[in-house]
C-alpha cells in the first residue's frame, strides 16, 4: 500500500493529527492484509521524516526527481514500514 500526499495545515501541526492519520493508514493496510506501507518525502520535509521514522518507517531509498534535481542535489527519500503477518 502506498501513502501519497498526506498533509496537515500549518495551524493544526504539532497536535498529533499527522501521527493519528499515519496510524489510520497503518490500520487500514493491516486490515486488508497488506505486507507493507510505502511513502516518499523530500529532503526538505524534515518534520515529515521525523514523523514517519517515529511511526516505525525506515528509509529504504533515495532518488532525484529530475535532471535538475540531480544538479541541485535535491533528493526524494523512500520510506517503508513492514506490517506483521495476519494470524
PDB file of N, CA and C in Angstrom:
ATOM      1  N   UNK A   1       0.856  -1.155   0.000  1.00  0.00           N
ATOM      2  CA  UNK A   1       0.000   0.000   0.000  1.00  0.00           C
ATOM      3  C   UNK A   1       0.906   1.222   0.000  1.00  0.00           C
ATOM      4  N   UNK A   2       0.528   2.257  -0.743  1.00  0.00           N
ATOM      5  CA  UNK A   2       1.329   3.479  -0.803  1.00  0.00           C
ATOM      6  C   UNK A   2       0.555   4.640  -0.206  1.00  0.00           C
ATOM      7  N   UNK A   3       1.205   5.352   0.680  1.00  0.00           N
ATOM      8  CA  UNK A   3       0.651   6.573   1.266  1.00  0.00           C
ATOM      9  C   UNK A   3       1.131   7.737   0.411  1.00  0.00           C
ATOM     10  N   UNK A   4       0.194   8.507  -0.132  1.00  0.00           N
ATOM     11  CA  UNK A   4       0.550   9.628  -1.004  1.00  0.00           C
ATOM     12  C   UNK A   4      -0.069  10.927  -0.510  1.00  0.00           C
ATOM     13  N   UNK A   5       0.748  11.941  -0.482  1.00  0.00           N
ATOM     14  CA  UNK A   5       0.315  13.326  -0.252  1.00  0.00           C
ATOM     15  C   UNK A   5      -0.435  13.566   1.050  1.00  0.00           C
ATOM     16  N   UNK A   6       0.074  13.061   2.137  1.00  0.00           N
ATOM     17  CA  UNK A   6      -0.522  13.373   3.431  1.00  0.00           C
ATOM     18  C   UNK A   6      -0.035  14.758   3.854  1.00  0.00           C
ATOM     19  N   UNK A   7      -0.965  15.587   4.292  1.00  0.00           N
ATOM     20  CA  UNK A   7      -0.608  16.944   4.700  1.00  0.00           C
ATOM     21  C   UNK A   7      -1.548  17.412   5.805  1.00  0.00           C
ATOM     22  N   UNK A   8      -0.988  18.187   6.721  1.00  0.00           N
ATOM     23  CA  UNK A   8      -1.773  18.810   7.785  1.00  0.00           C
ATOM     24  C   UNK A   8      -1.510  20.315   7.688  1.00  0.00           C
ATOM     25  N   UNK A   9      -2.549  21.125   7.705  1.00  0.00           N
ATOM     26  CA  UNK A   9      -2.401  22.581   7.629  1.00  0.00           C
ATOM     27  C   UNK A   9      -1.484  23.079   8.738  1.00  0.00           C
ATOM     28  N   UNK A  10      -0.704  24.077   8.418  1.00  0.00           N
ATOM     29  CA  UNK A  10       0.273  24.609   9.382  1.00  0.00           C
ATOM     30  C   UNK A  10      -0.341  24.926  10.747  1.00  0.00           C
ATOM     31  N   UNK A  11      -1.528  25.521  10.737  1.00  0.00           N
ATOM     32  CA  UNK A  11      -2.130  25.917  12.020  1.00  0.00           C
ATOM     33  C   UNK A  11      -2.562  24.733  12.876  1.00  0.00           C
ATOM     34  N   UNK A  12      -2.620  23.544  12.292  1.00  0.00           N
ATOM     35  CA  UNK A  12      -3.021  22.350  13.044  1.00  0.00           C
ATOM     36  C   UNK A  12      -1.859  21.409  13.332  1.00  0.00           C
ATOM     37  N   UNK A  13      -0.663  21.745  12.879  1.00  0.00           N
ATOM     38  CA  UNK A  13       0.500  20.868  13.099  1.00  0.00           C
ATOM     39  C   UNK A  13       0.914  20.880  14.560  1.00  0.00           C
ATOM     40  N   UNK A  14       1.557  19.796  14.966  1.00  0.00           N
ATOM     41  CA  UNK A  14       2.035  19.693  16.343  1.00  0.00           C
ATOM     42  C   UNK A  14       0.978  19.246  17.335  1.00  0.00           C
ATOM     43  N   UNK A  15      -0.166  18.816  16.840  1.00  0.00           N
ATOM     44  CA  UNK A  15      -1.262  18.387  17.717  1.00  0.00           C
ATOM     45  C   UNK A  15      -1.546  16.897  17.618  1.00  0.00           C
ATOM     46  N   UNK A  16      -0.680  16.159  16.927  1.00  0.00           N
ATOM     47  CA  UNK A  16      -0.850  14.716  16.829  1.00  0.00           C
ATOM     48  C   UNK A  16      -1.729  14.262  15.671  1.00  0.00           C
ATOM     49  N   UNK A  17      -2.156  15.182  14.828  1.00  0.00           N
ATOM     50  CA  UNK A  17      -3.033  14.820  13.721  1.00  0.00           C
ATOM     51  C   UNK A  17      -2.293  13.959  12.700  1.00  0.00           C
ATOM     52  N   UNK A  18      -1.074  14.343  12.347  1.00  0.00           N
ATOM     53  CA  UNK A  18      -0.274  13.555  11.403  1.00  0.00           C
ATOM     54  C   UNK A  18      -0.026  12.153  11.929  1.00  0.00           C
ATOM     55  N   UNK A  19       0.281  12.050  13.208  1.00  0.00           N
ATOM     56  CA  UNK A  19       0.507  10.747  13.844  1.00  0.00           C
ATOM     57  C   UNK A  19      -0.764   9.902  13.780  1.00  0.00           C
ATOM     58  N   UNK A  20      -1.911  10.535  14.056  1.00  0.00           N
ATOM     59  CA  UNK A  20      -3.186   9.811  14.021  1.00  0.00           C
ATOM     60  C   UNK A  20      -3.528   9.364  12.600  1.00  0.00           C
ATOM     61  N   UNK A  21      -3.311  10.244  11.622  1.00  0.00           N
ATOM     62  CA  UNK A  21      -3.568   9.866  10.227  1.00  0.00           C
ATOM     63  C   UNK A  21      -2.677   8.709   9.802  1.00  0.00           C
ATOM     64  N   UNK A  22      -1.420   8.781  10.188  1.00  0.00           N
ATOM     65  CA  UNK A  22      -0.476   7.710   9.852  1.00  0.00           C
ATOM     66  C   UNK A  22      -0.937   6.394  10.491  1.00  0.00           C
ATOM     67  N   UNK A  23      -1.375   6.459  11.730  1.00  0.00           N
ATOM     68  CA  UNK A  23      -1.886   5.271  12.409  1.00  0.00           C
ATOM     69  C   UNK A  23      -3.094   4.683  11.697  1.00  0.00           C
ATOM     70  N   UNK A  24      -3.968   5.532  11.185  1.00  0.00           N
ATOM     71  CA  UNK A  24      -5.149   5.060  10.437  1.00  0.00           C
ATOM     72  C   UNK A  24      -4.725   4.355   9.146  1.00  0.00           C
ATOM     73  N   UNK A  25      -3.734   4.906   8.469  1.00  0.00           N
ATOM     74  CA  UNK A  25      -3.240   4.270   7.242  1.00  0.00           C
ATOM     75  C   UNK A  25      -2.664   2.892   7.556  1.00  0.00           C
ATOM     76  N   UNK A  26      -1.895   2.794   8.631  1.00  0.00           N
ATOM     77  CA  UNK A  26      -1.311   1.502   9.019  1.00  0.00           C
ATOM     78  C   UNK A  26      -2.412   0.499   9.376  1.00  0.00           C
ATOM     79  N   UNK A  27      -3.435   0.949  10.105  1.00  0.00           N
ATOM     80  CA  UNK A  27      -4.560   0.065  10.449  1.00  0.00           C
ATOM     81  C   UNK A  27      -5.320  -0.376   9.200  1.00  0.00           C
ATOM     82  N   UNK A  28      -5.545   0.543   8.284  1.00  0.00           N
ATOM     83  CA  UNK A  28      -6.223   0.255   7.025  1.00  0.00           C
ATOM     84  C   UNK A  28      -5.457  -0.817   6.243  1.00  0.00           C
ATOM     85  N   UNK A  29      -4.137  -0.647   6.156  1.00  0.00           N
ATOM     86  CA  UNK A  29      -3.308  -1.611   5.414  1.00  0.00           C
ATOM     87  C   UNK A  29      -3.330  -2.981   6.083  1.00  0.00           C
ATOM     88  N   UNK A  30      -3.196  -3.008   7.406  1.00  0.00           N
ATOM     89  CA  UNK A  30      -3.221  -4.284   8.141  1.00  0.00           C
ATOM     90  C   UNK A  30      -4.544  -5.005   7.931  1.00  0.00           C
ATOM     91  N   UNK A  31      -5.644  -4.263   8.030  1.00  0.00           N
ATOM     92  CA  UNK A  31      -6.979  -4.862   7.906  1.00  0.00           C
ATOM     93  C   UNK A  31      -7.195  -5.485   6.531  1.00  0.00           C
ATOM     94  N   UNK A  32      -6.456  -5.016   5.554  1.00  0.00           N
ATOM     95  CA  UNK A  32      -6.596  -5.541   4.195  1.00  0.00           C
ATOM     96  C   UNK A  32      -5.481  -6.514   3.827  1.00  0.00           C
ATOM     97  N   UNK A  33      -4.713  -6.925   4.840  1.00  0.00           N
ATOM     98  CA  UNK A  33      -3.688  -7.937   4.634  1.00  0.00           C
ATOM     99  C   UNK A  33      -2.458  -7.475   3.875  1.00  0.00           C
ATOM    100  N   UNK A  34      -2.218  -6.186   3.824  1.00  0.00           N
ATOM    101  CA  UNK A  34      -1.043  -5.684   3.121  1.00  0.00           C
ATOM    102  C   UNK A  34       0.204  -5.970   3.942  1.00  0.00           C
ATOM    103  N   UNK A  35       1.299  -6.205   3.264  1.00  0.00           N
ATOM    104  CA  UNK A  35       2.544  -6.544   3.937  1.00  0.00           C
ATOM    105  C   UNK A  35       3.402  -5.364   4.316  1.00  0.00           C
ATOM    106  N   UNK A  36       3.139  -4.199   3.691  1.00  0.00           N
ATOM    107  CA  UNK A  36       3.963  -3.026   3.970  1.00  0.00           C
ATOM    108  C   UNK A  36       3.254  -1.773   3.485  1.00  0.00           C
ATOM    109  N   UNK A  37       3.688  -0.647   4.023  1.00  0.00           N
ATOM    110  CA  UNK A  37       3.255   0.663   3.548  1.00  0.00           C
ATOM    111  C   UNK A  37       4.501   1.396   3.075  1.00  0.00           C
ATOM    112  N   UNK A  38       4.407   1.969   1.882  1.00  0.00           N
ATOM    113  CA  UNK A  38       5.493   2.749   1.294  1.00  0.00           C
ATOM    114  C   UNK A  38       5.065   4.198   1.188  1.00  0.00           C
ATOM    115  N   UNK A  39       6.030   5.101   1.239  1.00  0.00           N
ATOM    116  CA  UNK A  39       5.768   6.515   1.023  1.00  0.00           C
ATOM    117  C   UNK A  39       7.061   7.178   0.609  1.00  0.00           C
ATOM    118  N   UNK A  40       6.941   8.397   0.114  1.00  0.00           N
ATOM    119  CA  UNK A  40       8.137   9.168  -0.196  1.00  0.00           C
ATOM    120  C   UNK A  40       7.939  10.598   0.273  1.00  0.00           C
ATOM    121  N   UNK A  41       9.037  11.246   0.617  1.00  0.00           N
ATOM    122  CA  UNK A  41       9.025  12.637   1.059  1.00  0.00           C
ATOM    123  C   UNK A  41      10.343  13.272   0.644  1.00  0.00           C
ATOM    124  N   UNK A  42      10.351  14.575   0.549  1.00  0.00           N
ATOM    125  CA  UNK A  42      11.568  15.240   0.087  1.00  0.00           C
ATOM    126  C   UNK A  42      12.534  15.502   1.233  1.00  0.00           C
ATOM    127  N   UNK A  43      13.752  15.785   0.853  1.00  0.00           N
ATOM    128  CA  UNK A  43      14.808  16.022   1.830  1.00  0.00           C
ATOM    129  C   UNK A  43      14.538  17.256   2.692  1.00  0.00           C
ATOM    130  N   UNK A  44      13.722  18.184   2.205  1.00  0.00           N
ATOM    131  CA  UNK A  44      13.452  19.396   2.976  1.00  0.00           C
ATOM    132  C   UNK A  44      12.307  19.226   3.970  1.00  0.00           C
ATOM    133  N   UNK A  45      11.579  18.139   3.891  1.00  0.00           N
ATOM    134  CA  UNK A  45      10.452  17.902   4.798  1.00  0.00           C
ATOM    135  C   UNK A  45      10.927  17.125   6.027  1.00  0.00           C
ATOM    136  N   UNK A  46      11.745  17.788   6.807  1.00  0.00           N
ATOM    137  CA  UNK A  46      12.385  17.150   7.957  1.00  0.00           C
ATOM    138  C   UNK A  46      11.359  16.726   9.004  1.00  0.00           C
ATOM    139  N   UNK A  47      10.356  17.547   9.254  1.00  0.00           N
ATOM    140  CA  UNK A  47       9.325  17.177  10.243  1.00  0.00           C
ATOM    141  C   UNK A  47       8.587  15.917   9.799  1.00  0.00           C
ATOM    142  N   UNK A  48       8.317  15.799   8.506  1.00  0.00           N
ATOM    143  CA  UNK A  48       7.651  14.594   7.988  1.00  0.00           C
ATOM    144  C   UNK A  48       8.548  13.376   8.166  1.00  0.00           C
ATOM    145  N   UNK A  49       9.830  13.535   7.900  1.00  0.00           N
ATOM    146  CA  UNK A  49      10.766  12.422   8.082  1.00  0.00           C
ATOM    147  C   UNK A  49      10.751  11.951   9.529  1.00  0.00           C
ATOM    148  N   UNK A  50      10.764  12.902  10.463  1.00  0.00           N
ATOM    149  CA  UNK A  50      10.722  12.535  11.891  1.00  0.00           C
ATOM    150  C   UNK A  50       9.418  11.831  12.244  1.00  0.00           C
ATOM    151  N   UNK A  51       8.307  12.328  11.701  1.00  0.00           N
ATOM    152  CA  UNK A  51       7.007  11.700  11.951  1.00  0.00           C
ATOM    153  C   UNK A  51       7.024  10.252  11.485  1.00  0.00           C
ATOM    154  N   UNK A  52       7.443  10.025  10.247  1.00  0.00           N
ATOM    155  CA  UNK A  52       7.435   8.674   9.691  1.00  0.00           C
ATOM    156  C   UNK A  52       8.392   7.753  10.437  1.00  0.00           C
ATOM    157  N   UNK A  53       9.577   8.246  10.736  1.00  0.00           N
ATOM    158  CA  UNK A  53      10.537   7.421  11.483  1.00  0.00           C
ATOM    159  C   UNK A  53      10.000   7.096  12.875  1.00  0.00           C
ATOM    160  N   UNK A  54       9.287   8.030  13.486  1.00  0.00           N
ATOM    161  CA  UNK A  54       8.659   7.787  14.793  1.00  0.00           C
ATOM    162  C   UNK A  54       7.543   6.756  14.737  1.00  0.00           C
ATOM    163  N   UNK A  55       6.985   6.547  13.551  1.00  0.00           N
ATOM    164  CA  UNK A  55       5.932   5.552  13.348  1.00  0.00           C
ATOM    165  C   UNK A  55       6.505   4.215  12.876  1.00  0.00           C
ATOM    166  N   UNK A  56       7.831   4.088  12.884  1.00  0.00           N
ATOM    167  CA  UNK A  56       8.461   2.818  12.541  1.00  0.00           C
ATOM    168  C   UNK A  56       8.863   2.659  11.090  1.00  0.00           C
ATOM    169  N   UNK A  57       8.711   3.703  10.286  1.00  0.00           N
ATOM    170  CA  UNK A  57       9.152   3.634   8.891  1.00  0.00           C
ATOM    171  C   UNK A  57      10.667   3.727   8.834  1.00  0.00           C
ATOM    172  N   UNK A  58      11.249   3.039   7.873  1.00  0.00           N
ATOM    173  CA  UNK A  58      12.693   3.091   7.658  1.00  0.00           C
ATOM    174  C   UNK A  58      12.971   3.582   6.248  1.00  0.00           C
ATOM    175  N   UNK A  59      13.982   4.429   6.119  1.00  0.00           N
ATOM    176  CA  UNK A  59      14.354   4.909   4.791  1.00  0.00           C
ATOM    177  C   UNK A  59      14.996   3.766   4.019  1.00  0.00           C
ATOM    178  N   UNK A  60      14.463   3.483   2.842  1.00  0.00           N
ATOM    179  CA  UNK A  60      14.942   2.354   2.043  1.00  0.00           C
ATOM    180  C   UNK A  60      15.489   2.779   0.686  1.00  0.00           C
ATOM    181  N   UNK A  61      15.413   4.060   0.372  1.00  0.00           N
ATOM    182  CA  UNK A  61      15.920   4.507  -0.915  1.00  0.00           C
ATOM    183  C   UNK A  61      15.960   6.012  -1.017  1.00  0.00           C
ATOM    184  N   UNK A  62      16.716   6.478  -1.994  1.00  0.00           N
ATOM    185  CA  UNK A  62      16.858   7.907  -2.280  1.00  0.00           C
ATOM    186  C   UNK A  62      16.959   8.065  -3.785  1.00  0.00           C
ATOM    187  N   UNK A  63      16.301   9.087  -4.312  1.00  0.00           N
ATOM    188  CA  UNK A  63      16.442   9.377  -5.741  1.00  0.00           C
ATOM    189  C   UNK A  63      16.225  10.864  -5.986  1.00  0.00           C
ATOM    190  N   UNK A  64      16.689  11.335  -7.120  1.00  0.00           N
ATOM    191  CA  UNK A  64      16.422  12.707  -7.558  1.00  0.00           C
ATOM    192  C   UNK A  64      15.253  12.664  -8.533  1.00  0.00           C
ATOM    193  N   UNK A  65      14.312  13.592  -8.418  1.00  0.00           N
ATOM    194  CA  UNK A  65      13.114  13.538  -9.236  1.00  0.00           C
ATOM    195  C   UNK A  65      13.319  13.951 -10.702  1.00  0.00           C
ATOM    196  N   UNK A  66      14.460  14.547 -10.999  1.00  0.00           N
ATOM    197  CA  UNK A  66      14.697  15.029 -12.357  1.00  0.00           C
ATOM    198  C   UNK A  66      16.186  15.319 -12.542  1.00  0.00           C
ATOM    199  N   UNK A  67      16.567  15.628 -13.759  1.00  0.00           N
ATOM    200  CA  UNK A  67      17.951  16.028 -14.025  1.00  0.00           C
ATOM    201  C   UNK A  67      18.284  17.292 -13.254  1.00  0.00           C
ATOM    202  N   UNK A  68      17.375  18.252 -13.254  1.00  0.00           N
ATOM    203  CA  UNK A  68      17.602  19.474 -12.490  1.00  0.00           C
ATOM    204  C   UNK A  68      17.743  19.160 -11.006  1.00  0.00           C
ATOM    205  N   UNK A  69      16.894  18.259 -10.502  1.00  0.00           N
ATOM    206  CA  UNK A  69      17.016  17.833  -9.104  1.00  0.00           C
ATOM    207  C   UNK A  69      18.374  17.247  -8.821  1.00  0.00           C
ATOM    208  N   UNK A  70      18.896  16.455  -9.740  1.00  0.00           N
ATOM    209  CA  UNK A  70      20.239  15.879  -9.584  1.00  0.00           C
ATOM    210  C   UNK A  70      21.292  16.967  -9.531  1.00  0.00           C
ATOM    211  N   UNK A  71      21.182  17.922 -10.434  1.00  0.00           N
ATOM    212  CA  UNK A  71      22.159  19.012 -10.484  1.00  0.00           C
ATOM    213  C   UNK A  71      22.135  19.854  -9.216  1.00  0.00           C
ATOM    214  N   UNK A  72      20.950  19.994  -8.631  1.00  0.00           N
ATOM    215  CA  UNK A  72      20.795  20.780  -7.402  1.00  0.00           C
ATOM    216  C   UNK A  72      20.966  19.941  -6.138  1.00  0.00           C
ATOM    217  N   UNK A  73      21.254  18.655  -6.315  1.00  0.00           N
ATOM    218  CA  UNK A  73      21.390  17.715  -5.184  1.00  0.00           C
ATOM    219  C   UNK A  73      20.117  17.663  -4.339  1.00  0.00           C
ATOM    220  N   UNK A  74      18.972  17.696  -5.011  1.00  0.00           N
ATOM    221  CA  UNK A  74      17.678  17.597  -4.346  1.00  0.00           C
ATOM    222  C   UNK A  74      17.243  16.137  -4.384  1.00  0.00           C
ATOM    223  N   UNK A  75      16.898  15.592  -3.213  1.00  0.00           N
ATOM    224  CA  UNK A  75      16.585  14.173  -3.120  1.00  0.00           C
ATOM    225  C   UNK A  75      15.181  13.923  -2.584  1.00  0.00           C
ATOM    226  N   UNK A  76      14.625  12.832  -3.053  1.00  0.00           N
ATOM    227  CA  UNK A  76      13.382  12.284  -2.508  1.00  0.00           C
ATOM    228  C   UNK A  76      13.778  11.025  -1.739  1.00  0.00           C
ATOM    229  N   UNK A  77      13.261  10.892  -0.526  1.00  0.00           N
ATOM    230  CA  UNK A  77      13.535   9.726   0.305  1.00  0.00           C
ATOM    231  C   UNK A  77      12.332   8.786   0.265  1.00  0.00           C
ATOM    232  N   UNK A  78      12.603   7.515   0.099  1.00  0.00           N
ATOM    233  CA  UNK A  78      11.564   6.490   0.089  1.00  0.00           C
ATOM    234  C   UNK A  78      11.602   5.776   1.440  1.00  0.00           C
ATOM    235  N   UNK A  79      10.434   5.663   2.058  1.00  0.00           N
ATOM    236  CA  UNK A  79      10.308   5.000   3.354  1.00  0.00           C
ATOM    237  C   UNK A  79       9.400   3.773   3.229  1.00  0.00           C
ATOM    238  N   UNK A  80       9.640   2.805   4.107  1.00  0.00           N
ATOM    239  CA  UNK A  80       8.849   1.586   4.119  1.00  0.00           C
ATOM    240  C   UNK A  80       8.604   1.171   5.581  1.00  0.00           C
ATOM    241  N   UNK A  81       7.386   0.719   5.827  1.00  0.00           N
ATOM    242  CA  UNK A  81       7.049   0.146   7.134  1.00  0.00           C
ATOM    243  C   UNK A  81       6.450  -1.227   6.866  1.00  0.00           C
ATOM    244  N   UNK A  82       7.189  -2.275   7.240  1.00  0.00           N
ATOM    245  CA  UNK A  82       6.669  -3.625   7.109  1.00  0.00           C
ATOM    246  C   UNK A  82       5.611  -3.852   8.172  1.00  0.00           C
ATOM    247  N   UNK A  83       4.590  -4.595   7.799  1.00  0.00           N
ATOM    248  CA  UNK A  83       3.488  -4.895   8.722  1.00  0.00           C
ATOM    249  C   UNK A  83       3.532  -6.368   9.097  1.00  0.00           C
ATOM    250  N   UNK A  84       3.244  -6.675  10.342  1.00  0.00           N
ATOM    251  CA  UNK A  84       3.247  -8.077  10.749  1.00  0.00           C
ATOM    252  C   UNK A  84       2.206  -8.885   9.988  1.00  0.00           C
ATOM    253  N   UNK A  85       2.495 -10.144   9.781  1.00  0.00           N
ATOM    254  CA  UNK A  85       1.553 -11.042   9.087  1.00  0.00           C
ATOM    255  C   UNK A  85       0.290 -11.239   9.885  1.00  0.00           C
ATOM    256  N   UNK A  86      -0.752 -11.601   9.177  1.00  0.00           N
ATOM    257  CA  UNK A  86      -2.026 -11.857   9.841  1.00  0.00           C
ATOM    258  C   UNK A  86      -2.002 -13.237  10.473  1.00  0.00           C
ATOM    259  N   UNK A  87      -2.705 -13.380  11.587  1.00  0.00           N
ATOM    260  CA  UNK A  87      -2.794 -14.670  12.285  1.00  0.00           C
ATOM    261  C   UNK A  87      -3.720 -15.623  11.574  1.00  0.00           C
TER     262      UNK A  87
END
